PDB file of N, CA and C in Angstrom:
ATOM      1  N   MET A   1      18.969  26.386  11.276  1.00  0.00           N
ATOM      2  CA  MET A   1      18.347  26.299   9.969  1.00  0.00           C
ATOM      3  C   MET A   1      19.032  27.221   8.974  1.00  0.00           C
ATOM      4  N   VAL A   2      19.492  28.371   9.423  1.00  0.00           N
ATOM      5  CA  VAL A   2      20.146  29.292   8.498  1.00  0.00           C
ATOM      6  C   VAL A   2      21.467  28.705   8.010  1.00  0.00           C
ATOM      7  N   GLN A   3      22.196  28.074   8.914  1.00  0.00           N
ATOM      8  CA  GLN A   3      23.482  27.483   8.538  1.00  0.00           C
ATOM      9  C   GLN A   3      23.315  26.222   7.691  1.00  0.00           C
ATOM     10  N   ASN A   4      22.230  25.508   7.909  1.00  0.00           N
ATOM     11  CA  ASN A   4      21.963  24.257   7.186  1.00  0.00           C
ATOM     12  C   ASN A   4      20.502  24.202   6.751  1.00  0.00           C
ATOM     13  N   PRO A   5      20.109  24.998   5.776  1.00  0.00           N
ATOM     14  CA  PRO A   5      18.706  25.009   5.341  1.00  0.00           C
ATOM     15  C   PRO A   5      18.244  23.618   4.905  1.00  0.00           C
ATOM     16  N   ALA A   6      17.030  23.290   5.299  1.00  0.00           N
ATOM     17  CA  ALA A   6      16.485  21.981   4.947  1.00  0.00           C
ATOM     18  C   ALA A   6      14.972  22.032   4.969  1.00  0.00           C
ATOM     19  N   ASP A   7      14.361  21.176   4.186  1.00  0.00           N
ATOM     20  CA  ASP A   7      12.907  21.013   4.189  1.00  0.00           C
ATOM     21  C   ASP A   7      12.563  20.056   5.323  1.00  0.00           C
ATOM     22  N   ARG A   8      11.983  20.574   6.405  1.00  0.00           N
ATOM     23  CA  ARG A   8      11.680  19.758   7.586  1.00  0.00           C
ATOM     24  C   ARG A   8      10.348  19.031   7.461  1.00  0.00           C
ATOM     25  N   ALA A   9       9.594  19.309   6.424  1.00  0.00           N
ATOM     26  CA  ALA A   9       8.293  18.663   6.256  1.00  0.00           C
ATOM     27  C   ALA A   9       8.426  17.146   6.169  1.00  0.00           C
ATOM     28  N   GLU A  10       9.423  16.668   5.457  1.00  0.00           N
ATOM     29  CA  GLU A  10       9.571  15.216   5.302  1.00  0.00           C
ATOM     30  C   GLU A  10       9.896  14.542   6.634  1.00  0.00           C
ATOM     31  N   ALA A  11      10.726  15.180   7.447  1.00  0.00           N
ATOM     32  CA  ALA A  11      11.048  14.622   8.766  1.00  0.00           C
ATOM     33  C   ALA A  11       9.791  14.550   9.629  1.00  0.00           C
ATOM     34  N   TYR A  12       8.976  15.595   9.580  1.00  0.00           N
ATOM     35  CA  TYR A  12       7.741  15.608  10.361  1.00  0.00           C
ATOM     36  C   TYR A  12       6.741  14.586   9.814  1.00  0.00           C
ATOM     37  N   ARG A  13       6.661  14.487   8.499  1.00  0.00           N
ATOM     38  CA  ARG A  13       5.765  13.515   7.875  1.00  0.00           C
ATOM     39  C   ARG A  13       6.082  12.089   8.361  1.00  0.00           C
ATOM     40  N   LYS A  14       7.354  11.773   8.487  1.00  0.00           N
ATOM     41  CA  LYS A  14       7.756  10.435   8.942  1.00  0.00           C
ATOM     42  C   LYS A  14       7.234  10.147  10.351  1.00  0.00           C
ATOM     43  N   VAL A  15       7.306  11.135  11.224  1.00  0.00           N
ATOM     44  CA  VAL A  15       6.791  10.966  12.587  1.00  0.00           C
ATOM     45  C   VAL A  15       5.285  10.732  12.552  1.00  0.00           C
ATOM     46  N   VAL A  16       4.576  11.591  11.829  1.00  0.00           N
ATOM     47  CA  VAL A  16       3.117  11.501  11.747  1.00  0.00           C
ATOM     48  C   VAL A  16       2.684  10.150  11.174  1.00  0.00           C
ATOM     49  N   GLU A  17       3.285   9.755  10.072  1.00  0.00           N
ATOM     50  CA  GLU A  17       2.899   8.493   9.429  1.00  0.00           C
ATOM     51  C   GLU A  17       3.299   7.278  10.256  1.00  0.00           C
ATOM     52  N   SER A  18       4.393   7.371  11.009  1.00  0.00           N
ATOM     53  CA  SER A  18       4.816   6.229  11.833  1.00  0.00           C
ATOM     54  C   SER A  18       3.804   5.903  12.920  1.00  0.00           C
ATOM     55  N   LEU A  19       2.962   6.894  13.269  1.00  0.00           N
ATOM     56  CA  LEU A  19       1.943   6.701  14.297  1.00  0.00           C
ATOM     57  C   LEU A  19       0.540   6.589  13.714  1.00  0.00           C
ATOM     58  N   GLY A  20       0.454   6.390  12.400  1.00  0.00           N
ATOM     59  CA  GLY A  20      -0.842   6.160  11.776  1.00  0.00           C
ATOM     60  C   GLY A  20      -1.582   7.410  11.350  1.00  0.00           C
ATOM     61  N   GLY A  21      -0.885   8.541  11.288  1.00  0.00           N
ATOM     62  CA  GLY A  21      -1.526   9.786  10.891  1.00  0.00           C
ATOM     63  C   GLY A  21      -1.224  10.144   9.450  1.00  0.00           C
ATOM     64  N   ARG A  22      -1.724  11.331   9.071  1.00  0.00           N
ATOM     65  CA  ARG A  22      -1.498  11.846   7.722  1.00  0.00           C
ATOM     66  C   ARG A  22      -1.210  13.337   7.821  1.00  0.00           C
ATOM     67  N   LEU A  23      -0.060  13.756   7.291  1.00  0.00           N
ATOM     68  CA  LEU A  23       0.295  15.165   7.264  1.00  0.00           C
ATOM     69  C   LEU A  23      -0.422  15.829   6.104  1.00  0.00           C
ATOM     70  N   GLU A  24      -1.261  16.805   6.407  1.00  0.00           N
ATOM     71  CA  GLU A  24      -2.017  17.502   5.367  1.00  0.00           C
ATOM     72  C   GLU A  24      -1.213  18.668   4.792  1.00  0.00           C
ATOM     73  N   CYS A  25      -0.556  19.467   5.682  1.00  0.00           N
ATOM     74  CA  CYS A  25       0.255  20.573   5.179  1.00  0.00           C
ATOM     75  C   CYS A  25       1.311  20.952   6.205  1.00  0.00           C
ATOM     76  N   PHE A  26       2.335  21.601   5.733  1.00  0.00           N
ATOM     77  CA  PHE A  26       3.455  22.045   6.566  1.00  0.00           C
ATOM     78  C   PHE A  26       3.920  23.373   5.980  1.00  0.00           C
ATOM     79  N   TYR A  27       3.744  24.463   6.713  1.00  0.00           N
ATOM     80  CA  TYR A  27       4.082  25.793   6.221  1.00  0.00           C
ATOM     81  C   TYR A  27       5.048  26.511   7.158  1.00  0.00           C
ATOM     82  N   TRP A  28       5.901  27.340   6.582  1.00  0.00           N
ATOM     83  CA  TRP A  28       6.635  28.345   7.330  1.00  0.00           C
ATOM     84  C   TRP A  28       5.747  29.573   7.368  1.00  0.00           C
ATOM     85  N   MET A  29       5.869  30.404   8.434  1.00  0.00           N
ATOM     86  CA  MET A  29       5.040  31.595   8.516  1.00  0.00           C
ATOM     87  C   MET A  29       5.721  32.642   9.371  1.00  0.00           C
ATOM     88  N   PHE A  30       5.188  33.838   9.355  1.00  0.00           N
ATOM     89  CA  PHE A  30       5.679  34.928  10.184  1.00  0.00           C
ATOM     90  C   PHE A  30       4.714  35.108  11.352  1.00  0.00           C
ATOM     91  N   GLY A  31       5.243  35.546  12.485  1.00  0.00           N
ATOM     92  CA  GLY A  31       4.390  35.797  13.639  1.00  0.00           C
ATOM     93  C   GLY A  31       4.973  35.166  14.887  1.00  0.00           C
ATOM     94  N   ASP A  32       4.123  34.844  15.846  1.00  0.00           N
ATOM     95  CA  ASP A  32       4.576  34.262  17.104  1.00  0.00           C
ATOM     96  C   ASP A  32       5.230  32.897  16.910  1.00  0.00           C
ATOM     97  N   TYR A  33       4.810  32.186  15.894  1.00  0.00           N
ATOM     98  CA  TYR A  33       5.362  30.869  15.595  1.00  0.00           C
ATOM     99  C   TYR A  33       5.929  30.886  14.186  1.00  0.00           C
ATOM    100  N   ASP A  34       6.929  30.055  13.949  1.00  0.00           N
ATOM    101  CA  ASP A  34       7.600  30.028  12.655  1.00  0.00           C
ATOM    102  C   ASP A  34       6.967  29.072  11.665  1.00  0.00           C
ATOM    103  N   GLY A  35       6.027  28.261  12.118  1.00  0.00           N
ATOM    104  CA  GLY A  35       5.438  27.296  11.198  1.00  0.00           C
ATOM    105  C   GLY A  35       4.050  26.874  11.612  1.00  0.00           C
ATOM    106  N   LEU A  36       3.402  26.197  10.685  1.00  0.00           N
ATOM    107  CA  LEU A  36       2.063  25.659  10.912  1.00  0.00           C
ATOM    108  C   LEU A  36       1.984  24.301  10.235  1.00  0.00           C
ATOM    109  N   THR A  37       1.521  23.320  10.965  1.00  0.00           N
ATOM    110  CA  THR A  37       1.243  22.018  10.363  1.00  0.00           C
ATOM    111  C   THR A  37      -0.203  21.656  10.648  1.00  0.00           C
ATOM    112  N   ILE A  38      -0.800  20.980   9.715  1.00  0.00           N
ATOM    113  CA  ILE A  38      -2.124  20.408   9.919  1.00  0.00           C
ATOM    114  C   ILE A  38      -1.982  18.934   9.601  1.00  0.00           C
ATOM    115  N   PHE A  39      -2.372  18.107  10.570  1.00  0.00           N
ATOM    116  CA  PHE A  39      -2.292  16.661  10.370  1.00  0.00           C
ATOM    117  C   PHE A  39      -3.531  15.996  10.917  1.00  0.00           C
ATOM    118  N   GLU A  40      -3.803  14.818  10.407  1.00  0.00           N
ATOM    119  CA  GLU A  40      -4.898  13.987  10.923  1.00  0.00           C
ATOM    120  C   GLU A  40      -4.277  12.864  11.737  1.00  0.00           C
ATOM    121  N   ALA A  41      -4.915  12.542  12.839  1.00  0.00           N
ATOM    122  CA  ALA A  41      -4.471  11.450  13.697  1.00  0.00           C
ATOM    123  C   ALA A  41      -5.681  10.597  14.051  1.00  0.00           C
ATOM    124  N   PRO A  42      -5.450   9.324  14.341  1.00  0.00           N
ATOM    125  CA  PRO A  42      -6.571   8.452  14.693  1.00  0.00           C
ATOM    126  C   PRO A  42      -7.348   8.898  15.932  1.00  0.00           C
ATOM    127  N   ASP A  43      -6.650   9.571  16.885  1.00  0.00           N
ATOM    128  CA  ASP A  43      -7.290  10.009  18.119  1.00  0.00           C
ATOM    129  C   ASP A  43      -6.397  11.043  18.799  1.00  0.00           C
ATOM    130  N   SER A  44      -6.894  11.629  19.870  1.00  0.00           N
ATOM    131  CA  SER A  44      -6.161  12.686  20.572  1.00  0.00           C
ATOM    132  C   SER A  44      -4.873  12.186  21.216  1.00  0.00           C
ATOM    133  N   VAL A  45      -4.880  10.966  21.723  1.00  0.00           N
ATOM    134  CA  VAL A  45      -3.669  10.416  22.341  1.00  0.00           C
ATOM    135  C   VAL A  45      -2.570  10.276  21.296  1.00  0.00           C
ATOM    136  N   THR A  46      -2.919   9.795  20.113  1.00  0.00           N
ATOM    137  CA  THR A  46      -1.937   9.660  19.040  1.00  0.00           C
ATOM    138  C   THR A  46      -1.433  11.026  18.607  1.00  0.00           C
ATOM    139  N   ALA A  47      -2.324  12.002  18.500  1.00  0.00           N
ATOM    140  CA  ALA A  47      -1.906  13.357  18.134  1.00  0.00           C
ATOM    141  C   ALA A  47      -0.922  13.897  19.171  1.00  0.00           C
ATOM    142  N   GLY A  48      -1.210  13.672  20.426  1.00  0.00           N
ATOM    143  CA  GLY A  48      -0.299  14.106  21.486  1.00  0.00           C
ATOM    144  C   GLY A  48       1.048  13.419  21.404  1.00  0.00           C
ATOM    145  N   ALA A  49       1.040  12.154  21.044  1.00  0.00           N
ATOM    146  CA  ALA A  49       2.297  11.417  20.891  1.00  0.00           C
ATOM    147  C   ALA A  49       3.125  11.990  19.747  1.00  0.00           C
ATOM    148  N   MET A  50       2.465  12.376  18.668  1.00  0.00           N
ATOM    149  CA  MET A  50       3.181  12.984  17.539  1.00  0.00           C
ATOM    150  C   MET A  50       3.873  14.264  17.979  1.00  0.00           C
ATOM    151  N   VAL A  51       3.147  15.106  18.682  1.00  0.00           N
ATOM    152  CA  VAL A  51       3.703  16.373  19.148  1.00  0.00           C
ATOM    153  C   VAL A  51       4.831  16.116  20.150  1.00  0.00           C
ATOM    154  N   ALA A  52       4.630  15.191  21.073  1.00  0.00           N
ATOM    155  CA  ALA A  52       5.651  14.896  22.073  1.00  0.00           C
ATOM    156  C   ALA A  52       6.931  14.364  21.434  1.00  0.00           C
ATOM    157  N   ALA A  53       6.794  13.562  20.391  1.00  0.00           N
ATOM    158  CA  ALA A  53       7.969  13.026  19.706  1.00  0.00           C
ATOM    159  C   ALA A  53       8.813  14.151  19.122  1.00  0.00           C
ATOM    160  N   VAL A  54       8.165  15.149  18.554  1.00  0.00           N
ATOM    161  CA  VAL A  54       8.888  16.281  17.970  1.00  0.00           C
ATOM    162  C   VAL A  54       9.427  17.196  19.069  1.00  0.00           C
ATOM    163  N   LEU A  55       8.628  17.445  20.105  1.00  0.00           N
ATOM    164  CA  LEU A  55       9.087  18.286  21.214  1.00  0.00           C
ATOM    165  C   LEU A  55      10.297  17.680  21.914  1.00  0.00           C
ATOM    166  N   GLY A  56      10.357  16.363  21.941  1.00  0.00           N
ATOM    167  CA  GLY A  56      11.460  15.680  22.595  1.00  0.00           C
ATOM    168  C   GLY A  56      12.812  16.014  22.007  1.00  0.00           C
ATOM    169  N   SER A  57      12.824  16.521  20.788  1.00  0.00           N
ATOM    170  CA  SER A  57      14.093  16.898  20.159  1.00  0.00           C
ATOM    171  C   SER A  57      14.665  18.167  20.774  1.00  0.00           C
ATOM    172  N   GLY A  58      13.806  18.954  21.430  1.00  0.00           N
ATOM    173  CA  GLY A  58      14.234  20.216  22.009  1.00  0.00           C
ATOM    174  C   GLY A  58      14.415  21.325  20.983  1.00  0.00           C
ATOM    175  N   ALA A  59      14.089  21.051  19.731  1.00  0.00           N
ATOM    176  CA  ALA A  59      14.322  22.017  18.659  1.00  0.00           C
ATOM    177  C   ALA A  59      13.138  22.937  18.400  1.00  0.00           C
ATOM    178  N   VAL A  60      11.966  22.603  18.932  1.00  0.00           N
ATOM    179  CA  VAL A  60      10.775  23.389  18.636  1.00  0.00           C
ATOM    180  C   VAL A  60       9.937  23.593  19.884  1.00  0.00           C
ATOM    181  N   ARG A  61       9.058  24.580  19.806  1.00  0.00           N
ATOM    182  CA  ARG A  61       7.996  24.741  20.806  1.00  0.00           C
ATOM    183  C   ARG A  61       6.701  24.786  20.020  1.00  0.00           C
ATOM    184  N   THR A  62       5.626  24.355  20.614  1.00  0.00           N
ATOM    185  CA  THR A  62       4.383  24.241  19.852  1.00  0.00           C
ATOM    186  C   THR A  62       3.194  24.796  20.609  1.00  0.00           C
ATOM    187  N   SER A  63       2.143  24.979  19.875  1.00  0.00           N
ATOM    188  CA  SER A  63       0.821  25.255  20.396  1.00  0.00           C
ATOM    189  C   SER A  63      -0.102  24.352  19.590  1.00  0.00           C
ATOM    190  N   THR A  64      -0.895  23.548  20.244  1.00  0.00           N
ATOM    191  CA  THR A  64      -1.755  22.619  19.518  1.00  0.00           C
ATOM    192  C   THR A  64      -3.216  23.001  19.676  1.00  0.00           C
ATOM    193  N   HIS A  65      -3.991  22.687  18.672  1.00  0.00           N
ATOM    194  CA  HIS A  65      -5.420  22.971  18.662  1.00  0.00           C
ATOM    195  C   HIS A  65      -6.121  21.795  17.996  1.00  0.00           C
ATOM    196  N   GLU A  66      -7.038  21.191  18.700  1.00  0.00           N
ATOM    197  CA  GLU A  66      -7.796  20.078  18.119  1.00  0.00           C
ATOM    198  C   GLU A  66      -9.034  20.633  17.421  1.00  0.00           C
ATOM    199  N   LEU A  67      -9.211  20.250  16.182  1.00  0.00           N
ATOM    200  CA  LEU A  67     -10.384  20.673  15.415  1.00  0.00           C
ATOM    201  C   LEU A  67     -11.479  19.625  15.547  1.00  0.00           C
ATOM    202  N   LEU A  68     -12.714  20.081  15.654  1.00  0.00           N
ATOM    203  CA  LEU A  68     -13.860  19.180  15.754  1.00  0.00           C
ATOM    204  C   LEU A  68     -14.738  19.339  14.523  1.00  0.00           C
ATOM    205  N   THR A  69     -15.283  18.237  14.059  1.00  0.00           N
ATOM    206  CA  THR A  69     -16.276  18.315  12.995  1.00  0.00           C
ATOM    207  C   THR A  69     -17.550  18.891  13.595  1.00  0.00           C
ATOM    208  N   MET A  70     -18.458  19.358  12.767  1.00  0.00           N
ATOM    209  CA  MET A  70     -19.730  19.862  13.289  1.00  0.00           C
ATOM    210  C   MET A  70     -20.506  18.735  13.963  1.00  0.00           C
ATOM    211  N   GLU A  71     -20.383  17.523  13.460  1.00  0.00           N
ATOM    212  CA  GLU A  71     -21.044  16.380  14.097  1.00  0.00           C
ATOM    213  C   GLU A  71     -20.519  16.199  15.522  1.00  0.00           C
ATOM    214  N   ASP A  72     -19.187  16.281  15.700  1.00  0.00           N
ATOM    215  CA  ASP A  72     -18.608  16.174  17.037  1.00  0.00           C
ATOM    216  C   ASP A  72     -19.019  17.348  17.916  1.00  0.00           C
ATOM    217  N   ALA A  73     -19.083  18.553  17.327  1.00  0.00           N
ATOM    218  CA  ALA A  73     -19.477  19.732  18.099  1.00  0.00           C
ATOM    219  C   ALA A  73     -20.906  19.598  18.612  1.00  0.00           C
ATOM    220  N   VAL A  74     -21.817  19.113  17.772  1.00  0.00           N
ATOM    221  CA  VAL A  74     -23.213  18.927  18.193  1.00  0.00           C
ATOM    222  C   VAL A  74     -23.283  17.875  19.297  1.00  0.00           C
ATOM    223  N   ALA A  75     -22.525  16.783  19.162  1.00  0.00           N
ATOM    224  CA  ALA A  75     -22.508  15.755  20.211  1.00  0.00           C
ATOM    225  C   ALA A  75     -21.970  16.340  21.514  1.00  0.00           C
ATOM    226  N   LEU A  76     -20.917  17.147  21.423  1.00  0.00           N
ATOM    227  CA  LEU A  76     -20.349  17.792  22.602  1.00  0.00           C
ATOM    228  C   LEU A  76     -21.371  18.706  23.260  1.00  0.00           C
ATOM    229  N   LEU A  77     -22.064  19.517  22.469  1.00  0.00           N
ATOM    230  CA  LEU A  77     -23.054  20.444  23.013  1.00  0.00           C
ATOM    231  C   LEU A  77     -24.233  19.713  23.638  1.00  0.00           C
ATOM    232  N   ASN A  78     -24.672  18.619  23.023  1.00  0.00           N
ATOM    233  CA  ASN A  78     -25.749  17.816  23.610  1.00  0.00           C
ATOM    234  C   ASN A  78     -25.323  17.209  24.939  1.00  0.00           C
ATOM    235  N   LYS A  79     -24.084  16.747  25.018  1.00  0.00           N
ATOM    236  CA  LYS A  79     -23.582  16.192  26.269  1.00  0.00           C
ATOM    237  C   LYS A  79     -23.505  17.283  27.333  1.00  0.00           C
ATOM    238  N   ALA A  80     -23.027  18.477  26.951  1.00  0.00           N
ATOM    239  CA  ALA A  80     -22.953  19.604  27.889  1.00  0.00           C
ATOM    240  C   ALA A  80     -24.346  20.000  28.369  1.00  0.00           C
ATOM    241  N   LYS A  81     -25.313  19.999  27.453  1.00  0.00           N
ATOM    242  CA  LYS A  81     -26.691  20.360  27.801  1.00  0.00           C
ATOM    243  C   LYS A  81     -27.224  19.441  28.895  1.00  0.00           C
ATOM    244  N   SER A  82     -26.882  18.156  28.825  1.00  0.00           N
ATOM    245  CA  SER A  82     -27.385  17.207  29.816  1.00  0.00           C
ATOM    246  C   SER A  82     -26.764  17.429  31.192  1.00  0.00           C
ATOM    247  N   ALA A  83     -25.649  18.142  31.261  1.00  0.00           N
ATOM    248  CA  ALA A  83     -24.967  18.357  32.539  1.00  0.00           C
ATOM    249  C   ALA A  83     -25.120  19.778  33.076  1.00  0.00           C
ATOM    250  N   THR A  84     -25.801  20.658  32.367  1.00  0.00           N
ATOM    251  CA  THR A  84     -25.857  22.058  32.784  1.00  0.00           C
ATOM    252  C   THR A  84     -26.513  22.253  34.140  1.00  0.00           C
ATOM    253  N   GLY A  85     -27.426  21.421  34.522  1.00  0.00           N
ATOM    254  CA  GLY A  85     -28.071  21.560  35.824  1.00  0.00           C
ATOM    255  C   GLY A  85     -27.152  21.211  36.983  1.00  0.00           C
ATOM    256  N   GLU A  86     -26.034  20.573  36.717  1.00  0.00           N
ATOM    257  CA  GLU A  86     -25.100  20.153  37.766  1.00  0.00           C
ATOM    258  C   GLU A  86     -24.087  21.235  38.128  1.00  0.00           C
ATOM    259  N   TYR A  87     -23.909  22.213  37.255  1.00  0.00           N
ATOM    260  CA  TYR A  87     -22.863  23.218  37.478  1.00  0.00           C
ATOM    261  C   TYR A  87     -23.411  24.423  38.227  1.00  0.00           C
ATOM    262  N   ARG A  88     -22.670  24.880  39.217  1.00  0.00           N
ATOM    263  CA  ARG A  88     -23.014  26.084  39.974  1.00  0.00           C
ATOM    264  C   ARG A  88     -21.886  27.094  39.804  1.00  0.00           C
ATOM    265  N   ARG A  89     -22.228  28.344  39.471  1.00  0.00           N
ATOM    266  CA  ARG A  89     -21.219  29.395  39.383  1.00  0.00           C
ATOM    267  C   ARG A  89     -20.576  29.610  40.745  1.00  0.00           C
ATOM    268  N   PRO A  90     -19.317  30.063  40.768  1.00  0.00           N
ATOM    269  CA  PRO A  90     -18.702  30.402  42.051  1.00  0.00           C
ATOM    270  C   PRO A  90     -19.540  31.442  42.789  1.00  0.00           C
ATOM    271  N   GLY A  91     -19.789  31.219  44.038  1.00  0.00           N
ATOM    272  CA  GLY A  91     -20.565  32.137  44.857  1.00  0.00           C
ATOM    273  C   GLY A  91     -22.078  31.957  44.739  1.00  0.00           C
ATOM    274  N   ALA A  92     -22.509  31.040  43.889  1.00  0.00           N
ATOM    275  CA  ALA A  92     -23.954  30.845  43.711  1.00  0.00           C
ATOM    276  C   ALA A  92     -24.491  29.881  44.746  1.00  0.00           C
TER     277      ALA A  92
END
């Protein structure tokens, strides 16, 4: 990148949009990682495909985090509540 500076957001946007997603933002940053992207995808499998397509280049490493709406979080917690009686702690 230093030898050939370029705006990589457009390249990433093409990958995201080719799979039906929408790139919300693309930032450079300081810290453990050099950048941050936020994108919307139709589902988790599609989001994974977007990341895998970029990782396949061998040029980047990533850490992904799926965000949940509060509606999804409440549904998740209700589902977990229905299964809590099935789980036993180790040694219990």
